């Protein structure tokens, strides 16, 4: 056997010859024979990336939820999501109402109408609709509150422009919206919109609301919009019935 060569035992016990790699030395143009270290395949491990290489980890398939939104806290486990689902009505509504009262914001939409009408006119409405002079910071505050109560990144904020599907200009309609969304679904928990300057308002139990006559006007406009038609029809009927009972229509 020649010096500079190395053997390894094959499956049948024969010897296989391995030639040594050759490295060129630039200044002397010398050839150096470097030994080849044989490692059994069962010991092979994945080659570690260089320190400067960005490591991309695969998405976990364990009992953790992940979304495409940018996270700003620990991911939520399925148990945390389920716990929030069970306690949502005890966590969110009191904080939204407290925030509306503190910042002198204006409630509108289904929840607002429910608070202004007697219980017999109740219509189920999940989300809160709020007008604010500073809608983006208010939405961020609610997001942070939910995350703090849940101990994980349960909520995030989506900001978008409101499409004008009616085709007519309306100075009492906001042009932007900041949606507080949770991991429960893609539906918003709270919608914050810019407060229109001439919006008719009224106070009810220390909270500012959009006037029922204005809510009725907007509900009637919603009758021609396919996505809002069902809710708008219920709101038109219940607000009209209440105002007629009070002699205001």
Protein backbone atom coordinates (compact mmCIF):
# COMPACT_ATOMS: atom_id res chain seq x y z
CA UNK A 1 0.00 0.00 0.00
CA UNK A 2 1.42 3.41 -0.96
CA UNK A 3 1.85 6.25 1.49
CA UNK A 4 -0.72 8.97 0.89
CA UNK A 5 -3.55 6.49 0.26
CA UNK A 6 -6.17 5.26 2.70
CA UNK A 7 -8.41 2.21 2.75
CA UNK A 8 -11.88 1.51 3.97
CA UNK A 9 -13.58 -1.84 4.38
CA UNK A 10 -16.40 -2.51 1.94
CA UNK A 11 -19.51 -4.63 2.55
CA UNK A 12 -17.72 -7.81 1.35
CA UNK A 13 -14.56 -7.15 3.32
CA UNK A 14 -12.52 -5.93 0.34
CA UNK A 15 -10.35 -2.87 0.54
CA UNK A 16 -11.27 0.19 -1.50
CA UNK A 17 -8.60 2.68 -2.33
CA UNK A 18 -9.30 6.41 -1.83
CA UNK A 19 -7.22 9.05 -3.49
CA UNK A 20 -6.33 12.09 -1.43
CA UNK A 21 -7.63 15.56 -2.36
CA UNK A 22 -5.01 17.98 -3.59
CA UNK A 23 -4.79 21.60 -2.39
CA UNK A 24 -2.75 24.07 -4.36
CA UNK A 25 -0.54 26.37 -2.28
CA UNK A 26 -0.49 29.70 -4.08
CA UNK A 27 2.96 31.03 -3.19
CA UNK A 28 5.04 27.85 -3.56
CA UNK A 29 2.81 25.90 -5.95
CA UNK A 30 3.27 22.82 -3.81
CA UNK A 31 0.92 19.87 -3.68
CA UNK A 32 -0.02 18.69 -0.22
CA UNK A 33 -1.66 15.32 0.43
CA UNK A 34 -4.35 15.76 3.07
CA UNK A 35 -5.69 12.70 4.93
CA UNK A 36 -9.28 11.66 4.36
CA UNK A 37 -11.20 10.80 7.53
CA UNK A 38 -13.72 8.02 7.08
CA UNK A 39 -16.95 8.41 9.08
CA UNK A 40 -19.62 5.68 9.25
CA UNK A 41 -22.88 6.76 7.59
CA UNK A 42 -24.86 6.11 10.78
CA UNK A 43 -22.93 8.93 12.44
CA UNK A 44 -23.51 11.47 9.71
CA UNK A 45 -25.23 14.66 10.79
CA UNK A 46 -26.65 17.57 8.85
CA UNK A 47 -24.03 20.14 8.06
CA UNK A 48 -24.41 23.23 10.25
CA UNK A 49 -24.79 26.54 8.38
CA UNK A 50 -22.14 29.21 8.67
CA UNK A 51 -22.77 31.83 11.40
CA UNK A 52 -23.58 34.46 8.79
CA UNK A 53 -26.18 32.23 7.11
CA UNK A 54 -29.82 33.03 7.93
CA UNK A 55 -31.54 29.96 9.33
CA UNK A 56 -35.14 29.47 8.22
CA UNK A 57 -37.09 27.29 10.63
CA UNK A 58 -40.14 25.38 9.40
CA UNK A 59 -43.57 26.22 10.80
CA UNK A 60 -44.33 24.12 13.82
CA UNK A 61 -46.96 21.42 13.41
CA UNK A 62 -47.49 21.11 17.17
CA UNK A 63 -50.48 22.43 19.17
CA UNK A 64 -49.65 26.08 18.45
CA UNK A 65 -51.51 28.54 16.28
CA UNK A 66 -49.70 30.72 13.79
CA UNK A 67 -50.94 33.34 11.35
CA UNK A 68 -49.42 35.36 8.55
CA UNK A 69 -49.78 38.52 10.61
CA UNK A 70 -46.69 39.97 12.25
CA UNK A 71 -46.50 38.70 15.81
CA UNK A 72 -45.48 40.97 18.67
CA UNK A 73 -45.67 38.43 21.49
CA UNK A 74 -45.64 34.71 22.32
CA UNK A 75 -47.74 32.51 20.08
CA UNK A 76 -51.05 31.33 21.53
CA UNK A 77 -51.68 27.71 22.34
CA UNK A 78 -54.99 26.06 21.53
CA UNK A 79 -55.80 26.10 25.24
CA UNK A 80 -55.29 29.87 25.42
CA UNK A 81 -57.48 30.45 22.38
CA UNK A 82 -60.24 28.28 23.82
CA UNK A 83 -60.03 30.07 27.17
CA UNK A 84 -60.43 33.44 25.45
CA UNK A 85 -63.38 32.10 23.46
CA UNK A 86 -65.12 31.07 26.67
CA UNK A 87 -64.44 34.37 28.45
CA UNK A 88 -64.63 36.79 25.54
CA UNK A 89 -67.77 38.60 26.70
CA UNK A 90 -66.26 39.13 30.15
CA UNK A 91 -62.95 40.40 28.76
CA UNK A 92 -63.69 42.59 25.74
CA UNK A 93 -66.98 44.56 26.16
CA UNK A 94 -66.13 46.17 29.53
CA UNK A 95 -62.77 47.38 28.22
CA UNK A 96 -64.21 48.76 24.96
CA UNK A 97 -66.93 50.66 26.84
CA UNK A 98 -64.38 51.97 29.37
CA UNK A 99 -62.17 53.17 26.51
CA UNK A 100 -65.09 54.85 24.70
CA UNK A 101 -66.08 56.69 27.87
CA UNK A 102 -62.49 57.70 28.72
CA UNK A 103 -61.56 59.03 25.26
CA UNK A 104 -65.02 60.48 24.49
CA UNK A 105 -65.35 58.29 21.41
CA UNK A 106 -68.70 57.56 19.75
CA UNK A 107 -70.33 54.15 19.50
CA UNK A 108 -72.38 53.21 16.44
CA UNK A 109 -73.60 50.09 14.68
CA UNK A 110 -75.47 47.08 16.06
CA UNK A 111 -74.07 47.12 19.63
CA UNK A 112 -74.82 50.82 19.95
CA UNK A 113 -78.42 50.40 18.78
CA UNK A 114 -78.85 47.53 21.25
CA UNK A 115 -77.81 49.82 24.09
CA UNK A 116 -80.19 52.59 22.99
CA UNK A 117 -83.27 50.41 22.43
CA UNK A 118 -85.33 48.38 24.93
CA UNK A 119 -84.43 44.67 25.17
CA UNK A 120 -87.42 43.57 23.08
CA UNK A 121 -85.73 45.16 20.05
CA UNK A 122 -82.47 43.33 20.62
CA UNK A 123 -80.50 42.04 17.63
CA UNK A 124 -77.41 39.91 18.11
CA UNK A 125 -74.25 41.80 17.17
CA UNK A 126 -70.80 40.47 17.90
CA UNK A 127 -68.44 43.31 17.00
CA UNK A 128 -68.15 46.85 18.34
CA UNK A 129 -68.16 49.85 15.99
CA UNK A 130 -66.48 52.97 17.34
CA UNK A 131 -65.81 56.42 15.90
CA UNK A 132 -62.71 58.12 17.26
CA UNK A 133 -60.55 61.16 16.53
CA UNK A 134 -57.54 58.85 16.91
CA UNK A 135 -58.74 55.44 15.70
CA UNK A 136 -55.35 53.80 15.16
CA UNK A 137 -53.99 54.31 18.72
CA UNK A 138 -57.35 53.26 20.19
CA UNK A 139 -57.27 50.03 18.19
CA UNK A 140 -53.70 49.37 19.32
CA UNK A 141 -54.72 49.86 22.96
CA UNK A 142 -57.48 47.26 22.65
CA UNK A 143 -55.09 44.85 20.92
CA UNK A 144 -52.54 45.24 23.73
CA UNK A 145 -55.24 44.79 26.38
CA UNK A 146 -56.45 41.51 24.86
CA UNK A 147 -52.88 40.21 24.53
CA UNK A 148 -52.11 41.10 28.14
CA UNK A 149 -55.24 39.37 29.46
CA UNK A 150 -54.53 36.25 27.38
CA UNK A 151 -50.78 36.13 27.97
CA UNK A 152 -50.01 35.67 24.27
CA UNK A 153 -50.35 37.33 20.88
CA UNK A 154 -54.11 36.84 20.65
CA UNK A 155 -55.02 40.02 18.73
CA UNK A 156 -53.70 42.12 15.87
CA UNK A 157 -54.84 45.21 13.96
CA UNK A 158 -55.72 45.37 10.27
CA UNK A 159 -55.96 48.84 8.75
CA UNK A 160 -57.77 49.38 5.48
CA UNK A 161 -59.83 51.83 3.45
CA UNK A 162 -63.61 51.55 3.52
CA UNK A 163 -64.99 50.90 0.00
CA UNK A 164 -67.76 53.23 -1.10
CA UNK A 165 -70.18 50.63 -2.42
CA UNK A 166 -73.17 52.99 -2.50
CA UNK A 167 -71.64 55.12 -5.25
CA UNK A 168 -72.69 58.36 -3.52
CA UNK A 169 -70.63 60.71 -1.40
CA UNK A 170 -71.52 60.85 2.30
CA UNK A 171 -69.68 63.27 4.59
CA UNK A 172 -70.84 61.28 7.61
CA UNK A 173 -69.10 58.11 6.49
CA UNK A 174 -65.50 57.45 7.51
CA UNK A 175 -62.97 56.59 4.81
CA UNK A 176 -60.69 54.35 6.87
CA UNK A 177 -61.04 51.56 9.39
CA UNK A 178 -58.75 49.86 11.92
CA UNK A 179 -59.97 46.36 12.73
CA UNK A 180 -59.00 44.57 15.95
CA UNK A 181 -58.99 40.89 14.99
CA UNK A 182 -58.28 37.89 17.23
CA UNK A 183 -57.14 34.33 16.55
CA UNK A 184 -60.73 33.10 16.90
CA UNK A 185 -61.65 34.08 13.35
CA UNK A 186 -60.98 36.60 10.60
CA UNK A 187 -63.97 38.69 11.73
CA UNK A 188 -63.20 41.89 13.62
CA UNK A 189 -63.88 42.19 17.35
CA UNK A 190 -63.77 46.00 17.26
CA UNK A 191 -63.86 48.39 14.28
CA UNK A 192 -62.37 51.83 14.88
CA UNK A 193 -63.14 54.54 12.32
CA UNK A 194 -62.34 58.23 12.04
CA UNK A 195 -65.00 60.40 13.67
CA UNK A 196 -66.97 62.42 11.06
CA UNK A 197 -66.98 66.10 12.09
CA UNK A 198 -70.76 66.65 11.82
CA UNK A 199 -72.04 63.33 13.12
CA UNK A 200 -75.32 63.67 15.13
CA UNK A 201 -74.70 62.16 18.58
CA UNK A 202 -76.49 61.52 21.83
CA UNK A 203 -75.46 60.51 25.35
CA UNK A 204 -76.76 57.37 27.02
CA UNK A 205 -75.52 56.31 30.46
CA UNK A 206 -72.35 58.31 30.14
CA UNK A 207 -71.46 56.99 26.68
CA UNK A 208 -71.69 58.90 23.44
CA UNK A 209 -73.68 57.22 20.65
CA UNK A 210 -74.63 57.97 17.10
CA UNK A 211 -78.24 59.19 17.09
CA UNK A 212 -80.89 56.62 16.20
CA UNK A 213 -82.17 58.77 13.32
CA UNK A 214 -78.67 58.70 11.80
CA UNK A 215 -78.40 54.95 12.40
CA UNK A 216 -81.76 54.53 10.63
CA UNK A 217 -80.58 56.61 7.66
CA UNK A 218 -77.47 54.48 7.24
CA UNK A 219 -79.45 51.26 7.66
CA UNK A 220 -81.75 52.27 4.81
CA UNK A 221 -78.73 52.86 2.59
CA UNK A 222 -77.55 49.37 3.52
CA UNK A 223 -80.71 47.83 2.04
CA UNK A 224 -79.22 48.17 -1.45
CA UNK A 225 -75.91 46.57 -0.46
CA UNK A 226 -75.97 42.74 -0.73
CA UNK A 227 -73.42 42.22 2.08
CA UNK A 228 -75.34 44.42 4.52
CA UNK A 229 -78.90 43.78 3.42
CA UNK A 230 -79.90 41.24 6.09
CA UNK A 231 -78.60 43.24 9.08
CA UNK A 232 -79.77 46.53 7.59
CA UNK A 233 -83.31 45.22 7.19
CA UNK A 234 -83.49 44.19 10.86
CA UNK A 235 -82.11 47.53 11.99
CA UNK A 236 -84.58 49.49 9.83
CA UNK A 237 -87.49 47.51 11.26
CA UNK A 238 -86.52 47.73 14.92
CA UNK A 239 -85.43 51.38 14.91
CA UNK A 240 -88.55 52.39 12.99
CA UNK A 241 -90.80 50.47 15.39
CA UNK A 242 -89.18 52.07 18.43
CA UNK A 243 -89.24 55.63 17.07
CA UNK A 244 -92.91 55.25 16.07
CA UNK A 245 -93.76 53.98 19.56
CA UNK A 246 -92.20 57.15 20.97
CA UNK A 247 -94.00 59.40 18.48
CA UNK A 248 -90.74 60.44 16.79
CA UNK A 249 -91.70 59.24 13.33
